Amino acid sequence: MKNNQEYHMSSDEFRHWGYKTIDWIANYLETVEQLPVLSQVEPGDIRAKLPETAPVKGESFADILQDLDEIIVPGLTNWQSPNFFAFFPTGISAPSILGELVSAGLGVQGMLWATSPACTELETHVLDWLVDMLQLPSQFKSSTTGGGVIQDSASSASLVALIAAREQLQADINQLVVYTSIQAHSSIEKAAIIAGIKRDNLRLIEVDADYRMRPELLQQQIISDIESGLIPFYIAATVGTTSSHAIDPLIEIGAIAQIHNIWFHVDGAMSGTAAICPEYRWIHQGLELADSYCFNPHKWMLTNFDCTCFYVKDRAKLIHALSIMPEFLKNQASTSGKVIDYRDWQISLGRRFRSLKLWFVIRHYGIEGLQHYIRKHIALAQEFAECVKSHPRFELVVNPPLNLVCFRHKLGDAINQEIINNINSSGKIYLTSTKLEQKLTLRMSIGQATTDKIHVQDAWQLICETAENIENHLGLTHR
């Protein structure tokens, strides 16, 4: 009978298969452009290829890698394809993959400073770097009463901010009211539900012609709620909404929040990274009025998921809301008050060494390299927008501020739906849609690491050819 030691890979085996696995990843990324962007499998196809029961005896790692090719890859929607223009990007890069690998290899649990001081202190330092890199308000630096932490997602960031806002009031939860725009991410509504806020107490504020929250309507709603005996306590504004990339007027919204002493959270999940470039820092005008802020390096900063940077102006409020100290976590460093215990800044107790991959990315690319890709993607989006504007049968829905282009065929929802269905089923590119002004709108999101001018040009050509084929099929004449 084998002892437990023999079931493990030896160091030599680990090196061998580790190199093979890196080779596999490198080959995948080199050839991903040739794969269908949207997976072409039918529901149940992947499970049908898997055995009914788990193996009793361990299998060779060679077989496992082979099954990656034969079972897993056909069932992937290839987010790293340069022809992926759907949703928002999920940035990766070689340094971020290697950083994630090192994190996995170290296997530390960073819940307390004491459980791995490097895990905590590197995170604090890199989050401070990013305050300078994006020129965020100095109130978010760890040297002040504020500070930053890495959350898994912007959804979690919005939730912990909402909980901190709720706890500082110590009011009747049934009277608390949350405000955001009708264009805000669904995670705000979900955060309110999780935090126990009544669904009837979520206020979705209408937007202007550019899909930005209207401050005057926000003010009116707040006054109405106060007069009804309710307690406004949380406003979430967005820098770069999912549907249209709208950037809410932070200065006006922040002023309203200050007047009524309401927690002001700003969600910059996708667009915040653009502020690495000085010419796009206007997106954060008014951010100094915010109590909390987040953005996602795992979208547009070449850092693999998950990695959301979350900042608070007053970390004591966040810690007060989330800190619980059971006996088994007590330690000398924590009681000294000289260290940060990030488990008090998030929902879960456990936490991975996420800052390693972010540190690797920033050091490898430098500010200059990151700026290069941001500028490149925005330029490609603006060129695509010009193509749309010059086409007689397509129209821009809104002028793109950054790297998302919202457009549609002028002949209505049915033809737009057919265009997107035909394009996505081809596997050549992947687009998603939304509804703006109750009309189906196509979204062209440009931000994948390897997307180049030729990919955007080919995508536009495919869109035009697809539309023309549908028009011909419908018997429409071109004028």
Protein backbone atom coordinates (compact mmCIF):
# COMPACT_ATOMS: atom_id res chain seq x y z
CA MET A 1 0.00 0.00 0.00
CA LYS A 2 1.31 3.44 -0.98
CA ASN A 3 2.03 5.95 1.73
CA ASN A 4 0.79 9.52 1.35
CA GLN A 5 4.19 10.83 0.32
CA GLU A 6 4.12 8.83 -2.91
CA TYR A 7 0.87 10.39 -4.09
CA HIS A 8 2.46 13.83 -4.37
CA MET A 9 4.40 15.01 -7.39
CA SER A 10 8.11 15.01 -6.72
CA SER A 11 9.96 18.29 -7.16
CA ASP A 12 11.36 17.03 -10.46
CA GLU A 13 7.88 16.02 -11.67
CA PHE A 14 6.51 19.38 -10.61
CA ARG A 15 9.21 21.18 -12.58
CA HIS A 16 8.60 19.01 -15.64
CA TRP A 17 4.84 19.43 -15.69
CA GLY A 18 5.09 23.03 -14.57
CA TYR A 19 7.14 23.83 -17.67
CA LYS A 20 4.69 21.83 -19.79
CA THR A 21 1.77 23.77 -18.33
CA ILE A 22 3.43 27.12 -19.01
CA ASP A 23 4.07 25.92 -22.56
CA TRP A 24 0.41 24.98 -22.85
CA ILE A 25 -0.73 28.43 -21.68
CA ALA A 26 1.75 30.17 -24.01
CA ASN A 27 0.56 28.08 -26.94
CA TYR A 28 -3.07 28.80 -26.11
CA LEU A 29 -2.45 32.55 -26.04
CA GLU A 30 -0.44 32.37 -29.29
CA THR A 31 -3.24 30.55 -31.11
CA VAL A 32 -6.37 31.92 -29.41
CA GLU A 33 -7.02 34.24 -32.36
CA GLN A 34 -7.70 31.19 -34.55
CA LEU A 35 -10.34 29.80 -32.17
CA PRO A 36 -14.06 30.74 -32.27
CA VAL A 37 -14.48 33.67 -29.92
CA LEU A 38 -17.87 32.49 -28.63
CA SER A 39 -17.94 28.81 -27.69
CA GLN A 40 -19.81 26.78 -30.30
CA VAL A 41 -20.86 23.89 -28.00
CA GLU A 42 -24.45 23.06 -27.08
CA PRO A 43 -25.68 22.83 -23.47
CA GLY A 44 -24.48 19.59 -21.91
CA ASP A 45 -21.72 18.92 -24.48
CA ILE A 46 -18.88 19.36 -21.99
CA ARG A 47 -20.39 17.18 -19.27
CA ALA A 48 -21.09 14.47 -21.84
CA LYS A 49 -17.33 14.15 -22.39
CA LEU A 50 -16.60 13.72 -18.68
CA PRO A 51 -16.72 10.37 -16.85
CA GLU A 52 -19.71 9.76 -14.59
CA THR A 53 -17.55 9.25 -11.50
CA ALA A 54 -14.25 10.59 -10.21
CA PRO A 55 -11.17 8.41 -10.75
CA VAL A 56 -10.30 6.02 -7.92
CA LYS A 57 -6.66 5.91 -8.99
CA GLY A 58 -4.79 9.04 -9.96
CA GLU A 59 -4.26 9.72 -13.65
CA SER A 60 -1.19 10.99 -15.46
CA PHE A 61 -0.71 14.71 -15.83
CA ALA A 62 -0.16 14.16 -19.55
CA ASP A 63 -3.76 12.91 -19.80
CA ILE A 64 -4.99 15.93 -17.87
CA LEU A 65 -3.27 18.36 -20.25
CA GLN A 66 -4.61 16.41 -23.23
CA ASP A 67 -8.15 16.76 -21.90
CA LEU A 68 -7.65 20.52 -21.66
CA ASP A 69 -7.36 20.52 -25.45
CA GLU A 70 -10.07 17.97 -26.15
CA ILE A 71 -12.71 18.84 -23.54
CA ILE A 72 -12.11 22.28 -22.04
CA VAL A 73 -10.93 24.46 -24.92
CA PRO A 74 -13.95 23.71 -27.16
CA GLY A 75 -16.17 24.88 -24.31
CA LEU A 76 -14.37 28.18 -23.78
CA THR A 77 -15.59 31.57 -24.78
CA ASN A 78 -12.18 33.00 -25.49
CA TRP A 79 -12.00 36.24 -23.53
CA GLN A 80 -8.34 36.70 -24.47
CA SER A 81 -9.02 36.65 -28.21
CA PRO A 82 -8.13 39.96 -29.91
CA ASN A 83 -11.59 39.61 -31.52
CA PHE A 84 -13.41 39.68 -28.19
CA PHE A 85 -15.41 42.94 -28.14
CA ALA A 86 -18.18 41.93 -25.72
CA PHE A 87 -18.96 43.09 -22.16
CA PHE A 88 -15.77 44.74 -20.85
CA PRO A 89 -12.32 43.14 -21.16
CA THR A 90 -10.73 40.79 -18.66
CA GLY A 91 -7.14 41.89 -18.78
CA ILE A 92 -4.30 39.44 -18.47
CA SER A 93 -0.61 39.53 -19.28
CA ALA A 94 2.36 37.25 -18.82
CA PRO A 95 3.55 39.09 -15.68
CA SER A 96 0.10 38.83 -14.10
CA ILE A 97 -0.12 35.10 -14.85
CA LEU A 98 3.30 34.58 -13.29
CA GLY A 99 2.32 36.67 -10.28
CA GLU A 100 -0.77 34.52 -9.82
CA LEU A 101 1.39 31.41 -10.12
CA VAL A 102 3.76 32.62 -7.41
CA SER A 103 0.79 33.49 -5.20
CA ALA A 104 -0.59 29.98 -5.66
CA GLY A 105 2.82 28.49 -4.99
CA LEU A 106 3.30 30.42 -1.77
CA GLY A 107 -0.19 29.47 -0.62
CA VAL A 108 -0.28 32.03 2.17
CA GLN A 109 -3.42 33.11 3.97
CA GLY A 110 -3.26 36.89 4.31
CA MET A 111 -6.17 37.49 6.67
CA LEU A 112 -3.93 39.15 9.30
CA TRP A 113 -0.67 41.06 9.12
CA ALA A 114 0.80 38.34 11.35
CA THR A 115 -0.18 35.52 8.96
CA SER A 116 2.16 36.97 6.31
CA PRO A 117 3.45 40.53 6.80
CA ALA A 118 4.65 40.74 3.16
CA CYS A 119 1.13 39.98 1.90
CA THR A 120 -0.31 42.94 3.81
CA GLU A 121 2.48 45.47 3.42
CA LEU A 122 2.97 44.92 -0.32
CA GLU A 123 -0.77 45.39 -0.83
CA THR A 124 -0.82 48.63 1.14
CA HIS A 125 2.20 49.93 -0.76
CA VAL A 126 0.94 49.02 -4.25
CA LEU A 127 -2.46 50.56 -3.48
CA ASP A 128 -0.63 53.76 -2.48
CA TRP A 129 1.33 53.62 -5.74
CA LEU A 130 -1.94 53.56 -7.63
CA VAL A 131 -3.22 56.66 -5.84
CA ASP A 132 -0.24 58.49 -7.31
CA MET A 133 -0.43 56.75 -10.70
CA LEU A 134 -4.08 57.73 -11.21
CA GLN A 135 -3.76 60.99 -9.23
CA LEU A 136 -6.60 59.95 -6.96
CA PRO A 137 -7.40 62.19 -3.99
CA SER A 138 -4.70 62.00 -1.31
CA GLN A 139 -7.38 61.07 1.26
CA PHE A 140 -7.19 57.50 -0.10
CA LYS A 141 -3.54 57.00 0.86
CA SER A 142 -2.65 54.80 3.82
CA SER A 143 -0.66 57.68 5.35
CA THR A 144 -3.96 59.49 5.98
CA THR A 145 -7.11 58.30 7.77
CA GLY A 146 -8.05 56.42 4.60
CA GLY A 147 -6.43 53.66 2.61
CA GLY A 148 -6.83 51.00 -0.03
CA VAL A 149 -7.42 47.26 -0.19
CA ILE A 150 -7.81 44.68 -2.95
CA GLN A 151 -11.30 43.18 -3.17
CA ASP A 152 -12.31 40.34 -5.45
CA SER A 153 -14.68 42.51 -7.48
CA ALA A 154 -16.38 45.89 -7.67
CA SER A 155 -19.54 44.14 -6.45
CA SER A 156 -17.83 43.37 -3.14
CA ALA A 157 -16.43 46.88 -2.95
CA SER A 158 -19.89 48.41 -3.36
CA LEU A 159 -21.26 46.04 -0.73
CA VAL A 160 -18.67 46.73 1.98
CA ALA A 161 -19.00 50.48 1.37
CA LEU A 162 -22.77 50.18 1.77
CA ILE A 163 -22.38 48.18 4.98
CA ALA A 164 -19.98 50.78 6.39
CA ALA A 165 -22.48 53.51 5.54
CA ARG A 166 -25.29 51.55 7.18
CA GLU A 167 -23.35 50.82 10.37
CA GLN A 168 -22.22 54.37 11.02
CA LEU A 169 -25.83 55.52 11.20
CA GLN A 170 -27.18 52.86 13.59
CA ALA A 171 -30.67 53.71 12.37
CA ASP A 172 -33.80 51.68 11.66
CA ILE A 173 -32.80 49.63 8.60
CA ASN A 174 -36.34 49.86 7.24
CA GLN A 175 -35.93 53.62 6.87
CA LEU A 176 -32.62 53.58 5.01
CA VAL A 177 -32.61 54.58 1.33
CA VAL A 178 -30.04 53.87 -1.42
CA TYR A 179 -29.64 56.00 -4.56
CA THR A 180 -28.04 55.24 -7.90
CA SER A 181 -28.86 55.83 -11.56
CA ILE A 182 -30.98 53.68 -13.85
CA GLN A 183 -27.74 52.99 -15.75
CA ALA A 184 -25.74 51.83 -12.73
CA HIS A 185 -24.47 48.29 -12.44
CA SER A 186 -26.85 45.68 -11.03
CA SER A 187 -24.34 45.00 -8.24
CA ILE A 188 -25.56 48.13 -6.44
CA GLU A 189 -29.07 46.69 -6.21
CA LYS A 190 -27.65 43.34 -5.15
CA ALA A 191 -25.52 44.98 -2.45
CA ALA A 192 -28.60 46.71 -1.06
CA ILE A 193 -30.50 43.42 -0.95
CA ILE A 194 -27.63 41.58 0.77
CA ALA A 195 -27.26 44.39 3.30
CA GLY A 196 -30.93 44.10 4.25
CA ILE A 197 -32.20 47.28 2.62
CA LYS A 198 -35.83 47.07 1.56
CA ARG A 199 -36.24 46.72 -2.20
CA ASP A 200 -38.75 49.57 -2.10
CA ASN A 201 -36.00 51.79 -0.67
CA LEU A 202 -33.73 51.59 -3.70
CA ARG A 203 -34.07 54.72 -5.82
CA LEU A 204 -33.02 54.54 -9.46
CA ILE A 205 -32.50 58.10 -10.67
CA GLU A 206 -33.19 59.00 -14.30
CA VAL A 207 -30.37 60.08 -16.61
CA ASP A 208 -29.72 62.84 -19.13
CA ALA A 209 -29.17 62.58 -22.89
CA ASP A 210 -25.64 61.25 -22.25
CA TYR A 211 -27.00 58.63 -19.79
CA ARG A 212 -25.49 60.39 -16.76
CA MET A 213 -27.34 60.60 -13.45
CA ARG A 214 -29.33 63.83 -13.19
CA PRO A 215 -28.29 65.61 -9.96
CA GLU A 216 -31.43 67.75 -9.79
CA LEU A 217 -33.63 64.64 -9.78
CA LEU A 218 -31.40 63.06 -7.14
CA GLN A 219 -31.81 66.14 -4.96
CA GLN A 220 -35.58 66.14 -5.42
CA GLN A 221 -35.84 62.46 -4.50
CA ILE A 222 -33.70 62.89 -1.38
CA ILE A 223 -35.80 65.80 -0.16
CA SER A 224 -38.99 63.85 -0.83
CA ASP A 225 -37.68 60.86 1.11
CA ILE A 226 -36.60 63.00 4.07
CA GLU A 227 -40.04 64.60 4.16
CA SER A 228 -41.54 61.08 4.21
CA GLY A 229 -39.51 60.19 7.30
CA LEU A 230 -36.94 58.09 5.49
CA ILE A 231 -33.15 58.28 5.88
CA PRO A 232 -31.01 58.71 2.74
CA PHE A 233 -27.67 57.04 3.54
CA TYR A 234 -25.87 55.82 0.39
CA ILE A 235 -25.35 57.23 -3.10
CA ALA A 236 -23.50 55.23 -5.76
CA ALA A 237 -22.27 57.11 -8.82
CA THR A 238 -20.56 55.50 -11.80
CA VAL A 239 -17.50 56.42 -13.82
CA GLY A 240 -18.15 54.39 -16.96
CA THR A 241 -21.51 52.60 -16.90
CA THR A 242 -21.73 49.16 -18.46
CA SER A 243 -24.36 49.99 -21.05
CA SER A 244 -23.02 53.27 -22.42
CA HIS A 245 -19.81 54.20 -20.55
CA ALA A 246 -21.59 57.23 -19.11
CA ILE A 247 -19.65 59.20 -16.51
CA ASP A 248 -21.85 60.60 -13.77
CA PRO A 249 -21.29 64.23 -12.70
CA LEU A 250 -19.34 63.57 -9.51
CA ILE A 251 -18.97 67.21 -8.48
CA GLU A 252 -22.72 67.84 -8.38
CA ILE A 253 -23.59 64.47 -6.86
CA GLY A 254 -20.84 64.76 -4.26
CA ALA A 255 -22.06 68.20 -3.24
CA ILE A 256 -25.55 66.82 -2.67
CA ALA A 257 -24.13 63.96 -0.61
CA GLN A 258 -22.24 66.41 1.59
CA ILE A 259 -25.26 68.64 2.13
CA HIS A 260 -27.31 65.70 3.38
CA ASN A 261 -24.44 63.80 5.07
CA ILE A 262 -24.84 60.73 2.81
CA TRP A 263 -22.09 58.20 2.09
CA PHE A 264 -20.88 58.78 -1.47
CA HIS A 265 -19.45 55.76 -3.28
CA VAL A 266 -17.96 55.98 -6.79
CA ASP A 267 -17.76 52.88 -8.99
CA GLY A 268 -15.02 53.27 -11.61
CA ALA A 269 -14.77 49.54 -12.28
CA MET A 270 -13.98 49.67 -15.99
CA SER A 271 -12.97 53.25 -16.69
CA GLY A 272 -10.85 54.14 -13.68
CA THR A 273 -7.72 52.69 -15.26
CA ALA A 274 -7.87 55.41 -17.94
CA ALA A 275 -6.73 57.93 -15.34
CA ILE A 276 -3.22 56.52 -15.61
CA CYS A 277 -3.08 58.87 -18.61
CA PRO A 278 -3.12 62.53 -17.55
CA GLU A 279 -5.41 63.51 -20.44
CA TYR A 280 -8.20 61.26 -19.10
CA ARG A 281 -8.08 62.26 -15.44
CA TRP A 282 -11.10 64.48 -16.00
CA ILE A 283 -13.21 61.35 -15.45
CA HIS A 284 -12.48 61.68 -11.72
CA GLN A 285 -13.35 65.34 -11.28
CA GLY A 286 -15.19 65.54 -7.97
CA LEU A 287 -13.78 62.28 -6.60
CA GLU A 288 -12.37 64.19 -3.64
CA LEU A 289 -15.96 64.37 -2.39
CA ALA A 290 -16.28 60.58 -2.27
CA ASP A 291 -16.22 58.44 0.86
CA SER A 292 -15.19 55.38 -1.14
CA TYR A 293 -14.04 54.46 -4.63
CA CYS A 294 -13.16 51.36 -6.62
CA PHE A 295 -11.74 50.40 -10.00
CA ASN A 296 -10.75 47.08 -11.58
CA PRO A 297 -7.19 46.42 -12.75
CA HIS A 298 -8.61 43.04 -13.83
CA LYS A 299 -10.50 44.79 -16.60
CA TRP A 300 -8.16 47.25 -18.28
CA MET A 301 -4.81 47.08 -16.48
CA LEU A 302 -3.51 43.76 -17.85
CA THR A 303 -4.06 42.04 -14.50
CA ASN A 304 -5.99 38.80 -14.38
CA PHE A 305 -9.20 38.39 -12.42
CA ASP A 306 -9.75 38.90 -9.56
CA CYS A 307 -8.35 42.28 -8.57
CA THR A 308 -10.45 45.30 -7.58
CA CYS A 309 -8.79 48.27 -5.90
CA PHE A 310 -11.07 49.72 -3.23
CA TYR A 311 -10.37 52.92 -1.32
CA VAL A 312 -12.00 54.60 1.66
CA LYS A 313 -11.60 58.09 3.04
CA ASP A 314 -12.02 56.92 6.65
CA ARG A 315 -10.86 53.35 7.20
CA ALA A 316 -12.06 53.41 10.82
CA LYS A 317 -15.68 53.40 9.62
CA LEU A 318 -15.06 50.38 7.41
CA ILE A 319 -13.17 48.49 10.10
CA HIS A 320 -15.81 49.29 12.72
CA ALA A 321 -18.49 47.86 10.43
CA LEU A 322 -16.69 44.61 9.61
CA SER A 323 -14.34 43.81 12.49
CA ILE A 324 -14.95 40.78 14.70
CA MET A 325 -12.14 39.48 16.92
CA PRO A 326 -12.60 35.86 18.00
CA GLU A 327 -10.09 34.45 20.45
CA PHE A 328 -8.29 32.36 17.83
CA LEU A 329 -7.35 35.46 15.79
CA LYS A 330 -5.91 37.51 18.65
CA ASN A 331 -2.21 38.24 18.31
CA GLN A 332 0.35 40.73 19.56
CA ALA A 333 0.71 42.62 16.27
CA SER A 334 -3.02 43.23 15.91
CA THR A 335 -3.46 44.43 19.48
CA SER A 336 -0.50 46.79 19.09
CA GLY A 337 -2.50 48.92 16.63
CA LYS A 338 0.58 49.28 14.43
CA VAL A 339 -0.54 47.02 11.58
CA ILE A 340 -3.38 46.60 9.09
CA ASP A 341 -5.46 43.44 9.25
CA TYR A 342 -7.22 43.36 5.89
CA ARG A 343 -9.72 40.73 7.00
CA ASP A 344 -11.50 43.71 8.65
CA TRP A 345 -11.83 45.43 5.25
CA GLN A 346 -13.80 42.72 3.43
CA ILE A 347 -16.62 40.19 3.72
CA SER A 348 -14.61 36.97 3.96
CA LEU A 349 -11.96 36.16 6.52
CA GLY A 350 -9.51 34.53 4.13
CA ARG A 351 -7.63 36.37 1.43
CA ARG A 352 -5.13 35.53 -1.28
CA PHE A 353 -1.85 37.29 -2.08
CA ARG A 354 -3.47 39.28 -4.92
CA SER A 355 -1.07 42.21 -4.76
CA LEU A 356 1.75 40.07 -6.17
CA LYS A 357 0.28 39.98 -9.68
CA LEU A 358 -0.50 43.69 -9.59
CA TRP A 359 3.04 44.41 -8.41
CA PHE A 360 4.46 42.23 -11.20
CA VAL A 361 2.36 44.04 -13.83
CA ILE A 362 3.23 47.56 -12.68
CA ARG A 363 6.93 46.75 -12.42
CA HIS A 364 7.06 44.99 -15.80
CA TYR A 365 5.13 47.55 -17.86
CA GLY A 366 5.83 50.69 -15.87
CA ILE A 367 3.45 53.62 -16.03
CA GLU A 368 4.61 54.29 -19.58
CA GLY A 369 3.70 50.82 -20.84
CA LEU A 370 0.26 50.86 -19.23
CA GLN A 371 -0.42 54.30 -20.71
CA HIS A 372 0.51 52.97 -24.15
CA TYR A 373 -2.24 50.34 -24.13
CA ILE A 374 -4.90 52.65 -22.70
CA ARG A 375 -4.21 55.24 -25.40
CA LYS A 376 -4.11 52.60 -28.11
CA HIS A 377 -7.51 51.14 -27.17
CA ILE A 378 -9.17 54.54 -26.92
CA ALA A 379 -7.75 55.57 -30.30
CA LEU A 380 -9.07 52.36 -31.89
CA ALA A 381 -12.51 52.98 -30.40
CA GLN A 382 -12.58 56.54 -31.70
CA GLU A 383 -11.61 55.32 -35.18
CA PHE A 384 -14.38 52.73 -35.05
CA ALA A 385 -16.85 55.44 -34.02
CA GLU A 386 -15.86 57.49 -37.06
CA CYS A 387 -16.59 54.49 -39.28
CA VAL A 388 -20.04 54.20 -37.76
CA LYS A 389 -20.73 57.92 -38.22
CA SER A 390 -19.75 57.79 -41.89
CA HIS A 391 -21.99 54.80 -42.67
CA PRO A 392 -25.43 55.66 -44.10
CA ARG A 393 -27.32 52.88 -42.29
CA PHE A 394 -25.61 52.83 -38.87
CA GLU A 395 -25.68 55.48 -36.16
CA LEU A 396 -23.82 56.27 -32.96
CA VAL A 397 -26.10 56.17 -29.94
CA VAL A 398 -23.76 58.32 -27.87
CA ASN A 399 -20.32 59.81 -28.47
CA PRO A 400 -17.85 57.40 -26.85
CA PRO A 401 -15.84 59.06 -24.07
CA LEU A 402 -13.28 56.25 -23.95
CA ASN A 403 -13.13 52.75 -25.44
CA LEU A 404 -16.77 51.60 -25.65
CA VAL A 405 -18.74 52.39 -28.82
CA CYS A 406 -22.54 52.09 -28.68
CA PHE A 407 -24.13 51.97 -32.12
CA ARG A 408 -27.03 50.46 -34.02
CA HIS A 409 -28.53 49.89 -37.43
CA LYS A 410 -31.13 52.54 -38.22
CA LEU A 411 -33.84 50.05 -39.22
CA GLY A 412 -34.75 48.93 -35.72
CA ASP A 413 -34.39 46.22 -33.09
CA ALA A 414 -35.13 43.21 -35.28
CA ILE A 415 -32.30 43.82 -37.72
CA ASN A 416 -29.88 44.71 -34.91
CA GLN A 417 -30.74 41.46 -33.15
CA GLU A 418 -30.19 39.49 -36.33
CA ILE A 419 -26.86 41.22 -36.92
CA ILE A 420 -25.56 40.33 -33.47
CA ASN A 421 -26.91 36.77 -33.64
CA ASN A 422 -25.27 36.11 -37.01
CA ILE A 423 -21.96 37.65 -35.99
CA ASN A 424 -21.69 35.80 -32.69
CA SER A 425 -22.71 32.45 -34.15
CA SER A 426 -19.95 32.81 -36.74
CA GLY A 427 -17.33 32.69 -33.99
CA LYS A 428 -15.30 35.37 -35.78
CA ILE A 429 -15.93 38.12 -33.24
CA TYR A 430 -18.07 38.51 -30.12
CA LEU A 431 -20.31 41.51 -29.43
CA THR A 432 -22.92 42.10 -26.74
CA SER A 433 -25.92 44.39 -26.73
CA THR A 434 -27.89 46.56 -24.35
CA LYS A 435 -31.03 48.68 -24.35
CA LEU A 436 -30.69 52.47 -24.54
CA GLU A 437 -33.84 54.56 -24.92
CA GLN A 438 -35.65 51.22 -25.10
CA LYS A 439 -33.84 50.43 -28.35
CA LEU A 440 -31.51 47.48 -28.91
CA THR A 441 -27.97 48.83 -29.06
CA LEU A 442 -24.78 47.06 -30.09
CA ARG A 443 -21.69 47.48 -27.89
CA MET A 444 -18.15 47.44 -29.29
CA SER A 445 -15.80 47.22 -26.31
CA ILE A 446 -12.11 47.53 -27.20
CA GLY A 447 -9.63 46.61 -24.49
CA GLN A 448 -8.12 43.16 -24.89
CA ALA A 449 -4.37 43.06 -24.52
CA THR A 450 -3.62 41.88 -28.08
CA THR A 451 -6.38 43.70 -29.97
CA ASP A 452 -4.85 45.72 -32.79
CA LYS A 453 -6.06 47.98 -35.58
CA ILE A 454 -6.51 45.10 -38.02
CA HIS A 455 -8.88 43.31 -35.63
CA VAL A 456 -11.09 46.37 -35.29
CA GLN A 457 -11.08 46.97 -39.05
CA ASP A 458 -11.98 43.34 -39.74
CA ALA A 459 -14.75 43.51 -37.15
CA TRP A 460 -16.27 46.56 -38.80
CA GLN A 461 -16.08 44.92 -42.21
CA LEU A 462 -17.84 41.83 -40.86
CA ILE A 463 -20.55 43.97 -39.23
CA CYS A 464 -21.16 45.83 -42.48
CA GLU A 465 -21.20 42.66 -44.60
CA THR A 466 -23.55 40.95 -42.17
CA ALA A 467 -25.91 43.92 -42.19
CA GLU A 468 -25.86 44.08 -46.00
CA ASN A 469 -26.64 40.37 -46.33
CA ILE A 470 -29.61 40.76 -43.99
CA GLU A 471 -30.82 43.84 -45.87
CA ASN A 472 -30.61 41.96 -49.18
CA HIS A 473 -32.48 39.02 -47.69
CA LEU A 474 -35.21 41.40 -46.53
CA GLY A 475 -35.34 43.01 -49.97
CA LEU A 476 -34.22 46.42 -48.75
CA THR A 477 -32.74 48.79 -51.32
CA HIS A 478 -29.69 50.91 -50.66
CA ARG A 479 -29.88 54.59 -51.41
